[in-house]
Amino acid sequence: MNIFRLTGDLSHLAAIIILLLKIWKTRSCAGISGKSQVLFALVFTTRYLDLLTSFISLYNTTMKVIYIGCAYATVYLIYIKFKATYDGNHDTFRVEFLVVPVGGLAFLVNHDFSPLEILWTFSIYLESVAILPQLFMISKTGEAETITTHYLFFLGLYRALYLINWIWRFYFEGFFDMIAIVAGVVQTILYCDFFYLYVTKVLKGKKLSLPA
């Protein structure tokens, strides 16, 4: 495993932990899109079904279990434990406009027309756009709490590092996965506006707001 994938995994894990701690410590999920978190839970569920069929390494298995567990814990906190603090009035993105096209694309463009492979492909495509309900929610409310922006930053950093990982693997291992790379590029582009605002505002102590 190269350093870019390891730091990418750690950035991903940091994002998830930051979000969980934010919700638990403040006893509130205000400003958090429950719809994005449901999509991420769906991403991990469909991607890591191979936990039931194959073993790669202890690290690989542990990270997969942590991602799945944390994703469902986050959904539980938002929709059950701290449901009274959930801002459903602003979390209005129509997720069917993401899930249905992504599902259709996974059937049409995949590496192998088998159930596990189609579900893995679906998870890759869905992850690239799963953050849209959260970004949409921030644009509707006009701003985001600093801790929420840290979560989004580490989530975007994870994807950017994974893109570098794909480039590294192509040059040094000859490995190339067009589906993962294209999806990663799309996801990174979605974060570009946010990265700019994070650097120019949040790191200078100002509140972040996204253009509507």
Protein backbone atom coordinates (compact mmCIF):
# COMPACT_ATOMS: atom_id res chain seq x y z
CA MET A 1 0.00 0.00 0.00
CA ASN A 2 1.41 3.40 -0.98
CA ILE A 3 1.41 6.52 1.20
CA PHE A 4 -1.29 8.25 -0.85
CA ARG A 5 -3.83 5.49 -0.29
CA LEU A 6 -2.96 5.25 3.41
CA THR A 7 -3.29 9.01 3.98
CA GLY A 8 -6.45 8.97 1.87
CA ASP A 9 -7.95 6.28 4.11
CA LEU A 10 -6.91 8.19 7.23
CA SER A 11 -8.44 11.42 5.85
CA HIS A 12 -11.66 9.54 5.13
CA LEU A 13 -11.66 8.10 8.64
CA ALA A 14 -10.93 11.54 10.13
CA ALA A 15 -13.92 13.02 8.27
CA ILE A 16 -16.26 10.34 9.60
CA ILE A 17 -14.98 10.68 13.19
CA ILE A 18 -15.19 14.49 13.07
CA LEU A 19 -18.83 14.27 12.00
CA LEU A 20 -19.74 11.68 14.64
CA LEU A 21 -18.01 13.64 17.41
CA LYS A 22 -19.68 16.86 16.26
CA ILE A 23 -23.13 15.29 16.51
CA TRP A 24 -22.45 13.47 19.79
CA LYS A 25 -20.73 16.32 21.64
CA THR A 26 -23.23 19.01 20.62
CA ARG A 27 -26.16 16.58 20.92
CA SER A 28 -27.32 18.05 17.64
CA CYS A 29 -27.23 17.23 13.94
CA ALA A 30 -28.10 20.77 12.85
CA GLY A 31 -26.55 21.61 9.50
CA ILE A 32 -25.92 17.96 8.63
CA SER A 33 -27.68 16.44 5.63
CA GLY A 34 -29.26 13.18 6.65
CA LYS A 35 -29.81 12.37 2.99
CA SER A 36 -26.09 12.55 2.23
CA GLN A 37 -25.38 10.25 5.19
CA VAL A 38 -27.98 7.73 4.01
CA LEU A 39 -26.33 7.77 0.57
CA PHE A 40 -22.90 7.16 2.12
CA ALA A 41 -24.32 4.25 4.15
CA LEU A 42 -25.68 2.84 0.89
CA VAL A 43 -22.27 3.36 -0.75
CA PHE A 44 -20.43 1.37 1.93
CA THR A 45 -23.07 -1.36 2.08
CA THR A 46 -23.01 -2.05 -1.67
CA ARG A 47 -19.21 -1.69 -1.96
CA TYR A 48 -18.19 -3.95 0.88
CA LEU A 49 -20.42 -6.94 0.27
CA ASP A 50 -17.18 -8.77 -0.55
CA LEU A 51 -16.64 -8.95 3.22
CA LEU A 52 -18.88 -12.00 2.98
CA THR A 53 -16.95 -13.63 0.13
CA SER A 54 -13.25 -12.77 0.35
CA PHE A 55 -10.46 -11.77 2.73
CA ILE A 56 -7.70 -9.42 1.56
CA SER A 57 -6.02 -8.31 4.78
CA LEU A 58 -6.80 -7.49 8.40
CA TYR A 59 -6.36 -3.77 7.63
CA ASN A 60 -8.75 -3.98 4.68
CA THR A 61 -11.42 -5.84 6.63
CA THR A 62 -11.09 -3.59 9.69
CA MET A 63 -11.46 -0.38 7.66
CA LYS A 64 -14.49 -1.73 5.80
CA VAL A 65 -16.23 -2.70 9.05
CA ILE A 66 -15.42 0.70 10.59
CA TYR A 67 -16.78 2.58 7.56
CA ILE A 68 -20.03 0.60 7.52
CA GLY A 69 -20.49 0.80 11.29
CA CYS A 70 -19.81 4.54 11.46
CA ALA A 71 -22.09 5.26 8.49
CA TYR A 72 -25.05 3.55 10.12
CA ALA A 73 -24.22 5.06 13.52
CA THR A 74 -24.36 8.52 11.90
CA VAL A 75 -27.72 7.77 10.27
CA TYR A 76 -29.02 6.50 13.63
CA LEU A 77 -27.93 9.68 15.43
CA ILE A 78 -29.55 11.91 12.80
CA TYR A 79 -32.86 10.14 12.29
CA ILE A 80 -33.45 8.58 15.72
CA LYS A 81 -31.24 9.73 18.63
CA PHE A 82 -31.20 13.45 17.81
CA LYS A 83 -34.11 13.55 15.41
CA ALA A 84 -35.53 16.70 17.04
CA THR A 85 -32.44 18.68 15.93
CA TYR A 86 -32.48 17.47 12.31
CA ASP A 87 -33.22 20.29 9.87
CA GLY A 88 -35.38 18.45 7.36
CA ASN A 89 -36.81 21.72 6.02
CA HIS A 90 -33.47 22.53 4.39
CA ASP A 91 -32.41 18.95 3.57
CA THR A 92 -34.62 18.80 0.50
CA PHE A 93 -32.38 17.49 -2.28
CA ARG A 94 -34.23 14.89 -4.42
CA VAL A 95 -31.92 11.91 -3.96
CA GLU A 96 -33.87 9.81 -6.46
CA PHE A 97 -32.36 12.05 -9.13
CA LEU A 98 -28.99 10.62 -8.09
CA VAL A 99 -29.79 7.01 -7.18
CA VAL A 100 -31.86 6.10 -10.26
CA PRO A 101 -29.43 7.40 -12.94
CA VAL A 102 -26.45 6.00 -11.04
CA GLY A 103 -28.15 2.61 -10.79
CA GLY A 104 -28.86 2.61 -14.51
CA LEU A 105 -25.28 3.62 -15.33
CA ALA A 106 -23.90 0.84 -13.12
CA PHE A 107 -25.87 -1.69 -15.19
CA LEU A 108 -24.64 -0.23 -18.46
CA VAL A 109 -20.99 0.56 -17.66
CA ASN A 110 -19.17 -1.95 -15.45
CA HIS A 111 -16.19 -4.29 -15.50
CA ASP A 112 -18.23 -7.47 -15.26
CA PHE A 113 -21.98 -8.05 -15.46
CA SER A 114 -22.30 -9.86 -12.13
CA PRO A 115 -24.32 -8.84 -9.03
CA LEU A 116 -21.32 -8.00 -6.83
CA GLU A 117 -19.52 -6.13 -9.59
CA ILE A 118 -22.61 -4.10 -10.53
CA LEU A 119 -23.17 -3.18 -6.87
CA TRP A 120 -19.48 -2.23 -6.50
CA THR A 121 -19.74 -0.04 -9.61
CA PHE A 122 -22.97 1.48 -8.29
CA SER A 123 -21.17 2.40 -5.06
CA ILE A 124 -18.32 4.08 -6.95
CA TYR A 125 -20.70 6.17 -9.06
CA LEU A 126 -22.94 7.01 -6.10
CA GLU A 127 -20.04 8.10 -3.87
CA SER A 128 -19.00 10.67 -6.47
CA VAL A 129 -22.31 12.54 -6.03
CA ALA A 130 -23.40 11.54 -2.49
CA ILE A 131 -22.17 14.83 -1.02
CA LEU A 132 -24.52 16.91 -3.23
CA PRO A 133 -27.41 16.95 -0.69
CA GLN A 134 -24.99 18.32 1.92
CA LEU A 135 -23.64 21.02 -0.39
CA PHE A 136 -27.19 21.83 -1.48
CA MET A 137 -28.24 22.17 2.16
CA ILE A 138 -25.36 24.56 2.89
CA SER A 139 -26.29 26.68 -0.13
CA LYS A 140 -29.91 26.85 1.11
CA THR A 141 -29.02 27.82 4.68
CA GLY A 142 -26.32 30.21 3.48
CA GLU A 143 -23.54 29.01 5.78
CA ALA A 144 -21.99 26.04 7.57
CA GLU A 145 -20.58 25.49 11.04
CA THR A 146 -16.79 25.35 11.16
CA ILE A 147 -16.78 21.73 12.35
CA THR A 148 -18.98 20.75 9.40
CA THR A 149 -16.56 22.41 6.99
CA HIS A 150 -13.67 20.45 8.56
CA TYR A 151 -15.65 17.27 7.88
CA LEU A 152 -16.17 18.27 4.25
CA PHE A 153 -12.52 19.26 3.85
CA PHE A 154 -11.20 15.88 5.01
CA LEU A 155 -13.79 14.10 2.87
CA GLY A 156 -12.63 16.03 -0.19
CA LEU A 157 -8.96 15.51 0.74
CA TYR A 158 -9.56 11.76 0.89
CA ARG A 159 -10.88 11.75 -2.67
CA ALA A 160 -8.05 13.96 -3.97
CA LEU A 161 -5.45 11.68 -2.36
CA TYR A 162 -7.13 8.64 -3.91
CA LEU A 163 -6.82 10.25 -7.34
CA ILE A 164 -3.07 10.58 -6.74
CA ASN A 165 -3.11 6.95 -5.59
CA TRP A 166 -4.62 5.87 -8.92
CA ILE A 167 -1.93 7.80 -10.81
CA TRP A 168 0.77 6.23 -8.61
CA ARG A 169 -0.56 2.74 -9.22
CA PHE A 170 -0.72 3.32 -12.98
CA TYR A 171 2.91 4.42 -13.18
CA PHE A 172 4.41 1.95 -10.70
CA GLU A 173 2.07 -1.06 -10.90
CA GLY A 174 0.50 -0.71 -14.34
CA PHE A 175 -2.93 -0.80 -12.69
CA PHE A 176 -5.67 1.35 -14.23
CA ASP A 177 -9.37 1.50 -13.32
CA MET A 178 -11.19 3.94 -15.57
CA ILE A 179 -14.49 3.72 -13.64
CA ALA A 180 -12.89 4.63 -10.30
CA ILE A 181 -10.75 7.38 -11.83
CA VAL A 182 -13.59 9.10 -13.71
CA ALA A 183 -15.86 8.93 -10.65
CA GLY A 184 -13.04 10.30 -8.51
CA VAL A 185 -12.46 13.20 -10.88
CA VAL A 186 -16.18 14.07 -10.83
CA GLN A 187 -16.24 13.98 -7.03
CA THR A 188 -13.11 16.13 -6.73
CA ILE A 189 -14.56 18.72 -9.13
CA LEU A 190 -17.67 18.98 -6.92
CA TYR A 191 -15.40 19.95 -4.03
CA CYS A 192 -13.39 22.60 -5.90
CA ASP A 193 -15.67 25.52 -4.92
CA PHE A 194 -15.70 24.31 -1.35
CA PHE A 195 -11.89 23.95 -1.16
CA TYR A 196 -11.45 27.52 -2.35
CA LEU A 197 -13.89 28.87 0.24
CA TYR A 198 -12.36 26.69 2.97
CA VAL A 199 -8.88 28.11 2.36
CA THR A 200 -9.96 31.73 1.87
CA LYS A 201 -12.53 31.88 4.68
CA VAL A 202 -12.53 29.04 7.22
CA LEU A 203 -8.75 28.95 7.68
CA LYS A 204 -8.89 32.71 8.29
CA GLY A 205 -11.54 32.34 10.98
CA LYS A 206 -14.49 33.44 8.86
CA LYS A 207 -17.79 31.62 8.36
CA LEU A 208 -18.21 29.60 5.22
CA SER A 209 -21.12 30.11 2.86
CA LEU A 210 -21.73 28.59 -0.54
CA PRO A 211 -23.26 30.54 -3.42
CA ALA A 212 -26.90 29.62 -3.92
